[in-house]
Every structure is written in C-alpha cells, then in structure tokens.
C-alpha cells in the first residue's frame, strides 16, 4: 500500500478538524461537502473505511506518534 507523505496527512487532519468546527457552527452545504471530501481523502490515504479510523491511522503515521496518540481523537 502506498503511504501518504506526513505533510499531506497533517494538512488533511488540520483541514478536517477546522471543517468540523465550521460545520458545527454553520452547517452550510459547502462546508459539509468539503468535509466529506476530506474524510474520503483521509480514508483513501490511510486504507480505512471510516473517518475516525482514518484520523487515528493518519496520526499514527506522523513523525513522533506514540501508541496513546489515538486517545487524542475526539468523537
């Protein structure tokens, strides 16, 4: 399996987290669509089928990741 560059993964995580905040505040169709696109890209980039699993996998692939880092993912 190809692995995404850590910079790409970090950028996707940051975008998803930002969009999650915007979606909670605005909930506009554009924000939802972009959030879905980022979630899909995260899943493809990490070989997962669920955005929560993708976020955990992406964080584990970042330099300096520790086993307990997946506990930082908020639901």
PDB file of N, CA and C in Angstrom:
ATOM      1  N   UNK A   1       0.842  -1.182   0.000  1.00  0.00           N
ATOM      2  CA  UNK A   1       0.000   0.000   0.000  1.00  0.00           C
ATOM      3  C   UNK A   1       0.882   1.238   0.000  1.00  0.00           C
ATOM      4  N   UNK A   2       0.525   2.189  -0.827  1.00  0.00           N
ATOM      5  CA  UNK A   2       1.219   3.472  -0.829  1.00  0.00           C
ATOM      6  C   UNK A   2       0.867   4.235   0.427  1.00  0.00           C
ATOM      7  N   UNK A   3       1.830   4.988   0.928  1.00  0.00           N
ATOM      8  CA  UNK A   3       1.575   5.784   2.128  1.00  0.00           C
ATOM      9  C   UNK A   3       1.700   7.262   1.774  1.00  0.00           C
ATOM     10  N   UNK A   4       0.764   8.042   2.272  1.00  0.00           N
ATOM     11  CA  UNK A   4       0.785   9.479   2.031  1.00  0.00           C
ATOM     12  C   UNK A   4       1.930  10.114   2.804  1.00  0.00           C
ATOM     13  N   UNK A   5       2.462  11.169   2.265  1.00  0.00           N
ATOM     14  CA  UNK A   5       3.535  11.910   2.932  1.00  0.00           C
ATOM     15  C   UNK A   5       2.987  12.505   4.225  1.00  0.00           C
ATOM     16  N   UNK A   6       3.779  12.505   5.291  1.00  0.00           N
ATOM     17  CA  UNK A   6       3.310  13.056   6.571  1.00  0.00           C
ATOM     18  C   UNK A   6       2.784  14.494   6.476  1.00  0.00           C
ATOM     19  N   UNK A   7       3.374  15.293   5.620  1.00  0.00           N
ATOM     20  CA  UNK A   7       2.897  16.672   5.464  1.00  0.00           C
ATOM     21  C   UNK A   7       1.476  16.691   4.901  1.00  0.00           C
ATOM     22  N   UNK A   8       1.205  15.797   3.965  1.00  0.00           N
ATOM     23  CA  UNK A   8      -0.135  15.702   3.383  1.00  0.00           C
ATOM     24  C   UNK A   8      -1.126  15.254   4.456  1.00  0.00           C
ATOM     25  N   UNK A   9      -0.750  14.243   5.227  1.00  0.00           N
ATOM     26  CA  UNK A   9      -1.636  13.757   6.281  1.00  0.00           C
ATOM     27  C   UNK A   9      -1.910  14.837   7.322  1.00  0.00           C
ATOM     28  N   UNK A  10      -0.870  15.548   7.729  1.00  0.00           N
ATOM     29  CA  UNK A  10      -1.041  16.607   8.724  1.00  0.00           C
ATOM     30  C   UNK A  10      -2.002  17.677   8.188  1.00  0.00           C
ATOM     31  N   UNK A  11      -1.838  18.026   6.920  1.00  0.00           N
ATOM     32  CA  UNK A  11      -2.705  19.021   6.299  1.00  0.00           C
ATOM     33  C   UNK A  11      -4.151  18.537   6.258  1.00  0.00           C
ATOM     34  N   UNK A  12      -4.364  17.275   5.908  1.00  0.00           N
ATOM     35  CA  UNK A  12      -5.717  16.722   5.867  1.00  0.00           C
ATOM     36  C   UNK A  12      -6.360  16.716   7.251  1.00  0.00           C
ATOM     37  N   UNK A  13      -5.584  16.330   8.262  1.00  0.00           N
ATOM     38  CA  UNK A  13      -6.102  16.323   9.635  1.00  0.00           C
ATOM     39  C   UNK A  13      -6.499  17.733  10.058  1.00  0.00           C
ATOM     40  N   UNK A  14      -5.626  18.695   9.789  1.00  0.00           N
ATOM     41  CA  UNK A  14      -5.922  20.084  10.160  1.00  0.00           C
ATOM     42  C   UNK A  14      -7.167  20.599   9.435  1.00  0.00           C
ATOM     43  N   UNK A  15      -7.273  20.295   8.142  1.00  0.00           N
ATOM     44  CA  UNK A  15      -8.449  20.729   7.383  1.00  0.00           C
ATOM     45  C   UNK A  15      -9.722  20.089   7.942  1.00  0.00           C
ATOM     46  N   UNK A  16      -9.658  18.793   8.230  1.00  0.00           N
ATOM     47  CA  UNK A  16     -10.839  18.103   8.741  1.00  0.00           C
ATOM     48  C   UNK A  16     -11.268  18.691  10.086  1.00  0.00           C
ATOM     49  N   UNK A  17     -10.299  18.912  10.977  1.00  0.00           N
ATOM     50  CA  UNK A  17     -10.614  19.491  12.279  1.00  0.00           C
ATOM     51  C   UNK A  17     -11.230  20.880  12.138  1.00  0.00           C
ATOM     52  N   UNK A  18     -10.686  21.697  11.251  1.00  0.00           N
ATOM     53  CA  UNK A  18     -11.228  23.042  11.011  1.00  0.00           C
ATOM     54  C   UNK A  18     -12.637  22.963  10.446  1.00  0.00           C
ATOM     55  N   UNK A  19     -12.834  22.075   9.479  1.00  0.00           N
ATOM     56  CA  UNK A  19     -14.157  21.940   8.876  1.00  0.00           C
ATOM     57  C   UNK A  19     -15.174  21.390   9.868  1.00  0.00           C
ATOM     58  N   UNK A  20     -14.733  20.529  10.768  1.00  0.00           N
ATOM     59  CA  UNK A  20     -15.641  20.006  11.789  1.00  0.00           C
ATOM     60  C   UNK A  20     -16.162  21.168  12.656  1.00  0.00           C
ATOM     61  N   UNK A  21     -15.276  22.085  12.984  1.00  0.00           N
ATOM     62  CA  UNK A  21     -15.680  23.257  13.767  1.00  0.00           C
ATOM     63  C   UNK A  21     -16.633  24.129  12.963  1.00  0.00           C
ATOM     64  N   UNK A  22     -16.313  24.385  11.709  1.00  0.00           N
ATOM     65  CA  UNK A  22     -17.185  25.212  10.858  1.00  0.00           C
ATOM     66  C   UNK A  22     -18.542  24.555  10.666  1.00  0.00           C
ATOM     67  N   UNK A  23     -18.531  23.247  10.485  1.00  0.00           N
ATOM     68  CA  UNK A  23     -19.790  22.526  10.282  1.00  0.00           C
ATOM     69  C   UNK A  23     -20.675  22.653  11.519  1.00  0.00           C
ATOM     70  N   UNK A  24     -20.063  22.564  12.686  1.00  0.00           N
ATOM     71  CA  UNK A  24     -20.833  22.683  13.927  1.00  0.00           C
ATOM     72  C   UNK A  24     -21.425  24.075  14.062  1.00  0.00           C
ATOM     73  N   UNK A  25     -20.713  25.088  13.577  1.00  0.00           N
ATOM     74  CA  UNK A  25     -21.174  26.467  13.717  1.00  0.00           C
ATOM     75  C   UNK A  25     -22.121  26.877  12.589  1.00  0.00           C
ATOM     76  N   UNK A  26     -21.810  26.488  11.374  1.00  0.00           N
ATOM     77  CA  UNK A  26     -22.579  26.962  10.217  1.00  0.00           C
ATOM     78  C   UNK A  26     -23.441  25.888   9.571  1.00  0.00           C
ATOM     79  N   UNK A  27     -22.863  24.728   9.369  1.00  0.00           N
ATOM     80  CA  UNK A  27     -23.584  23.640   8.741  1.00  0.00           C
ATOM     81  C   UNK A  27     -23.982  23.902   7.300  1.00  0.00           C
ATOM     82  N   UNK A  28     -23.228  24.749   6.589  1.00  0.00           N
ATOM     83  CA  UNK A  28     -23.571  25.055   5.206  1.00  0.00           C
ATOM     84  C   UNK A  28     -23.289  23.845   4.314  1.00  0.00           C
ATOM     85  N   UNK A  29     -23.986  23.758   3.195  1.00  0.00           N
ATOM     86  CA  UNK A  29     -23.758  22.630   2.277  1.00  0.00           C
ATOM     87  C   UNK A  29     -22.312  22.569   1.771  1.00  0.00           C
ATOM     88  N   UNK A  30     -21.703  23.724   1.560  1.00  0.00           N
ATOM     89  CA  UNK A  30     -20.323  23.759   1.072  1.00  0.00           C
ATOM     90  C   UNK A  30     -19.370  23.171   2.103  1.00  0.00           C
ATOM     91  N   UNK A  31     -19.572  23.526   3.366  1.00  0.00           N
ATOM     92  CA  UNK A  31     -18.718  23.002   4.429  1.00  0.00           C
ATOM     93  C   UNK A  31     -18.915  21.501   4.564  1.00  0.00           C
ATOM     94  N   UNK A  32     -20.164  21.046   4.521  1.00  0.00           N
ATOM     95  CA  UNK A  32     -20.430  19.603   4.615  1.00  0.00           C
ATOM     96  C   UNK A  32     -19.784  18.850   3.462  1.00  0.00           C
ATOM     97  N   UNK A  33     -19.893  19.392   2.257  1.00  0.00           N
ATOM     98  CA  UNK A  33     -19.326  18.729   1.077  1.00  0.00           C
ATOM     99  C   UNK A  33     -17.803  18.660   1.179  1.00  0.00           C
ATOM    100  N   UNK A  34     -17.180  19.754   1.571  1.00  0.00           N
ATOM    101  CA  UNK A  34     -15.719  19.768   1.712  1.00  0.00           C
ATOM    102  C   UNK A  34     -15.284  18.797   2.814  1.00  0.00           C
ATOM    103  N   UNK A  35     -16.049  18.757   3.892  1.00  0.00           N
ATOM    104  CA  UNK A  35     -15.739  17.845   4.990  1.00  0.00           C
ATOM    105  C   UNK A  35     -15.831  16.388   4.508  1.00  0.00           C
ATOM    106  N   UNK A  36     -16.826  16.068   3.720  1.00  0.00           N
ATOM    107  CA  UNK A  36     -16.968  14.728   3.162  1.00  0.00           C
ATOM    108  C   UNK A  36     -15.799  14.403   2.232  1.00  0.00           C
ATOM    109  N   UNK A  37     -15.372  15.385   1.436  1.00  0.00           N
ATOM    110  CA  UNK A  37     -14.233  15.183   0.531  1.00  0.00           C
ATOM    111  C   UNK A  37     -12.950  14.901   1.310  1.00  0.00           C
ATOM    112  N   UNK A  38     -12.722  15.682   2.357  1.00  0.00           N
ATOM    113  CA  UNK A  38     -11.524  15.484   3.175  1.00  0.00           C
ATOM    114  C   UNK A  38     -11.595  14.123   3.877  1.00  0.00           C
ATOM    115  N   UNK A  39     -12.766  13.762   4.401  1.00  0.00           N
ATOM    116  CA  UNK A  39     -12.928  12.463   5.062  1.00  0.00           C
ATOM    117  C   UNK A  39     -12.621  11.331   4.083  1.00  0.00           C
ATOM    118  N   UNK A  40     -13.129  11.436   2.863  1.00  0.00           N
ATOM    119  CA  UNK A  40     -12.874  10.420   1.839  1.00  0.00           C
ATOM    120  C   UNK A  40     -11.381  10.323   1.540  1.00  0.00           C
ATOM    121  N   UNK A  41     -10.732  11.475   1.374  1.00  0.00           N
ATOM    122  CA  UNK A  41      -9.306  11.500   1.070  1.00  0.00           C
ATOM    123  C   UNK A  41      -8.497  10.905   2.215  1.00  0.00           C
ATOM    124  N   UNK A  42      -8.883  11.207   3.450  1.00  0.00           N
ATOM    125  CA  UNK A  42      -8.213  10.604   4.605  1.00  0.00           C
ATOM    126  C   UNK A  42      -8.358   9.086   4.588  1.00  0.00           C
ATOM    127  N   UNK A  43      -9.558   8.604   4.292  1.00  0.00           N
ATOM    128  CA  UNK A  43      -9.793   7.162   4.254  1.00  0.00           C
ATOM    129  C   UNK A  43      -8.951   6.498   3.162  1.00  0.00           C
ATOM    130  N   UNK A  44      -8.928   7.081   1.987  1.00  0.00           N
ATOM    131  CA  UNK A  44      -8.135   6.526   0.889  1.00  0.00           C
ATOM    132  C   UNK A  44      -6.648   6.566   1.233  1.00  0.00           C
ATOM    133  N   UNK A  45      -6.213   7.666   1.820  1.00  0.00           N
ATOM    134  CA  UNK A  45      -4.791   7.849   2.148  1.00  0.00           C
ATOM    135  C   UNK A  45      -4.302   6.894   3.227  1.00  0.00           C
ATOM    136  N   UNK A  46      -5.217   6.418   4.060  1.00  0.00           N
ATOM    137  CA  UNK A  46      -4.822   5.557   5.176  1.00  0.00           C
ATOM    138  C   UNK A  46      -5.290   4.114   5.016  1.00  0.00           C
ATOM    139  N   UNK A  47      -6.040   3.839   3.954  1.00  0.00           N
ATOM    140  CA  UNK A  47      -6.531   2.476   3.729  1.00  0.00           C
ATOM    141  C   UNK A  47      -7.614   2.060   4.699  1.00  0.00           C
ATOM    142  N   UNK A  48      -8.414   3.034   5.134  1.00  0.00           N
ATOM    143  CA  UNK A  48      -9.502   2.746   6.069  1.00  0.00           C
ATOM    144  C   UNK A  48     -10.838   3.064   5.412  1.00  0.00           C
ATOM    145  N   UNK A  49     -11.928   2.712   6.108  1.00  0.00           N
ATOM    146  CA  UNK A  49     -13.260   2.963   5.560  1.00  0.00           C
ATOM    147  C   UNK A  49     -14.087   3.892   6.431  1.00  0.00           C
ATOM    148  N   UNK A  50     -13.525   4.323   7.535  1.00  0.00           N
ATOM    149  CA  UNK A  50     -14.248   5.141   8.500  1.00  0.00           C
ATOM    150  C   UNK A  50     -13.363   6.339   8.848  1.00  0.00           C
ATOM    151  N   UNK A  51     -13.951   7.531   8.892  1.00  0.00           N
ATOM    152  CA  UNK A  51     -13.144   8.727   9.115  1.00  0.00           C
ATOM    153  C   UNK A  51     -12.463   8.713  10.478  1.00  0.00           C
ATOM    154  N   UNK A  52     -13.111   8.176  11.491  1.00  0.00           N
ATOM    155  CA  UNK A  52     -12.467   8.115  12.806  1.00  0.00           C
ATOM    156  C   UNK A  52     -11.234   7.208  12.762  1.00  0.00           C
ATOM    157  N   UNK A  53     -11.364   6.064  12.109  1.00  0.00           N
ATOM    158  CA  UNK A  53     -10.214   5.168  11.952  1.00  0.00           C
ATOM    159  C   UNK A  53      -9.138   5.829  11.097  1.00  0.00           C
ATOM    160  N   UNK A  54      -9.553   6.576  10.087  1.00  0.00           N
ATOM    161  CA  UNK A  54      -8.601   7.273   9.220  1.00  0.00           C
ATOM    162  C   UNK A  54      -7.820   8.321   9.995  1.00  0.00           C
ATOM    163  N   UNK A  55      -8.505   9.057  10.865  1.00  0.00           N
ATOM    164  CA  UNK A  55      -7.819  10.065  11.670  1.00  0.00           C
ATOM    165  C   UNK A  55      -6.799   9.420  12.604  1.00  0.00           C
ATOM    166  N   UNK A  56      -7.172   8.299  13.222  1.00  0.00           N
ATOM    167  CA  UNK A  56      -6.242   7.582  14.101  1.00  0.00           C
ATOM    168  C   UNK A  56      -5.046   7.085  13.297  1.00  0.00           C
ATOM    169  N   UNK A  57      -5.315   6.447  12.159  1.00  0.00           N
ATOM    170  CA  UNK A  57      -4.232   5.916  11.329  1.00  0.00           C
ATOM    171  C   UNK A  57      -3.319   7.032  10.836  1.00  0.00           C
ATOM    172  N   UNK A  58      -3.899   8.144  10.428  1.00  0.00           N
ATOM    173  CA  UNK A  58      -3.097   9.274   9.935  1.00  0.00           C
ATOM    174  C   UNK A  58      -2.213   9.813  11.048  1.00  0.00           C
ATOM    175  N   UNK A  59      -2.764   9.963  12.236  1.00  0.00           N
ATOM    176  CA  UNK A  59      -1.968  10.472  13.359  1.00  0.00           C
ATOM    177  C   UNK A  59      -0.825   9.515  13.711  1.00  0.00           C
ATOM    178  N   UNK A  60      -1.070   8.216  13.584  1.00  0.00           N
ATOM    179  CA  UNK A  60      -0.020   7.230  13.874  1.00  0.00           C
ATOM    180  C   UNK A  60       1.091   7.262  12.832  1.00  0.00           C
ATOM    181  N   UNK A  61       0.795   7.744  11.642  1.00  0.00           N
ATOM    182  CA  UNK A  61       1.801   7.800  10.588  1.00  0.00           C
ATOM    183  C   UNK A  61       2.641   9.073  10.650  1.00  0.00           C
ATOM    184  N   UNK A  62       2.275  10.008  11.506  1.00  0.00           N
ATOM    185  CA  UNK A  62       3.032  11.253  11.621  1.00  0.00           C
ATOM    186  C   UNK A  62       4.300  11.022  12.434  1.00  0.00           C
ATOM    187  N   UNK A  63       5.365  11.738  12.104  1.00  0.00           N
ATOM    188  CA  UNK A  63       6.600  11.602  12.875  1.00  0.00           C
ATOM    189  C   UNK A  63       6.352  11.924  14.351  1.00  0.00           C
ATOM    190  N   UNK A  64       6.933  11.112  15.220  1.00  0.00           N
ATOM    191  CA  UNK A  64       6.806  11.339  16.651  1.00  0.00           C
ATOM    192  C   UNK A  64       5.540  10.784  17.263  1.00  0.00           C
ATOM    193  N   UNK A  65       4.732  10.058  16.485  1.00  0.00           N
ATOM    194  CA  UNK A  65       3.487   9.495  17.013  1.00  0.00           C
ATOM    195  C   UNK A  65       3.802   8.443  18.063  1.00  0.00           C
ATOM    196  N   UNK A  66       2.957   8.385  19.067  1.00  0.00           N
ATOM    197  CA  UNK A  66       3.085   7.395  20.133  1.00  0.00           C
ATOM    198  C   UNK A  66       1.820   6.546  20.144  1.00  0.00           C
ATOM    199  N   UNK A  67       1.873   5.318  20.680  1.00  0.00           N
ATOM    200  CA  UNK A  67       0.683   4.445  20.692  1.00  0.00           C
ATOM    201  C   UNK A  67      -0.532   5.088  21.322  1.00  0.00           C
ATOM    202  N   UNK A  68      -0.356   5.903  22.345  1.00  0.00           N
ATOM    203  CA  UNK A  68      -1.501   6.503  23.006  1.00  0.00           C
ATOM    204  C   UNK A  68      -2.074   7.708  22.257  1.00  0.00           C
ATOM    205  N   UNK A  69      -1.483   8.113  21.144  1.00  0.00           N
ATOM    206  CA  UNK A  69      -1.954   9.287  20.420  1.00  0.00           C
ATOM    207  C   UNK A  69      -3.377   9.148  19.911  1.00  0.00           C
ATOM    208  N   UNK A  70      -3.866   7.917  19.684  1.00  0.00           N
ATOM    209  CA  UNK A  70      -5.227   7.751  19.198  1.00  0.00           C
ATOM    210  C   UNK A  70      -6.261   8.157  20.253  1.00  0.00           C
ATOM    211  N   UNK A  71      -5.853   8.252  21.495  1.00  0.00           N
ATOM    212  CA  UNK A  71      -6.783   8.689  22.527  1.00  0.00           C
ATOM    213  C   UNK A  71      -7.059  10.181  22.434  1.00  0.00           C
ATOM    214  N   UNK A  72      -6.285  10.891  21.618  1.00  0.00           N
ATOM    215  CA  UNK A  72      -6.486  12.331  21.451  1.00  0.00           C
ATOM    216  C   UNK A  72      -7.619  12.646  20.490  1.00  0.00           C
ATOM    217  N   UNK A  73      -8.100  11.628  19.776  1.00  0.00           N
ATOM    218  CA  UNK A  73      -9.182  11.836  18.815  1.00  0.00           C
ATOM    219  C   UNK A  73     -10.476  12.033  19.578  1.00  0.00           C
ATOM    220  N   UNK A  74     -11.122  13.167  19.341  1.00  0.00           N
ATOM    221  CA  UNK A  74     -12.408  13.413  19.995  1.00  0.00           C
ATOM    222  C   UNK A  74     -13.523  12.947  19.101  1.00  0.00           C
ATOM    223  N   UNK A  75     -14.537  12.373  19.676  1.00  0.00           N
ATOM    224  CA  UNK A  75     -15.662  11.836  18.900  1.00  0.00           C
ATOM    225  C   UNK A  75     -16.663  12.898  18.571  1.00  0.00           C
TER     226      UNK A  75
END
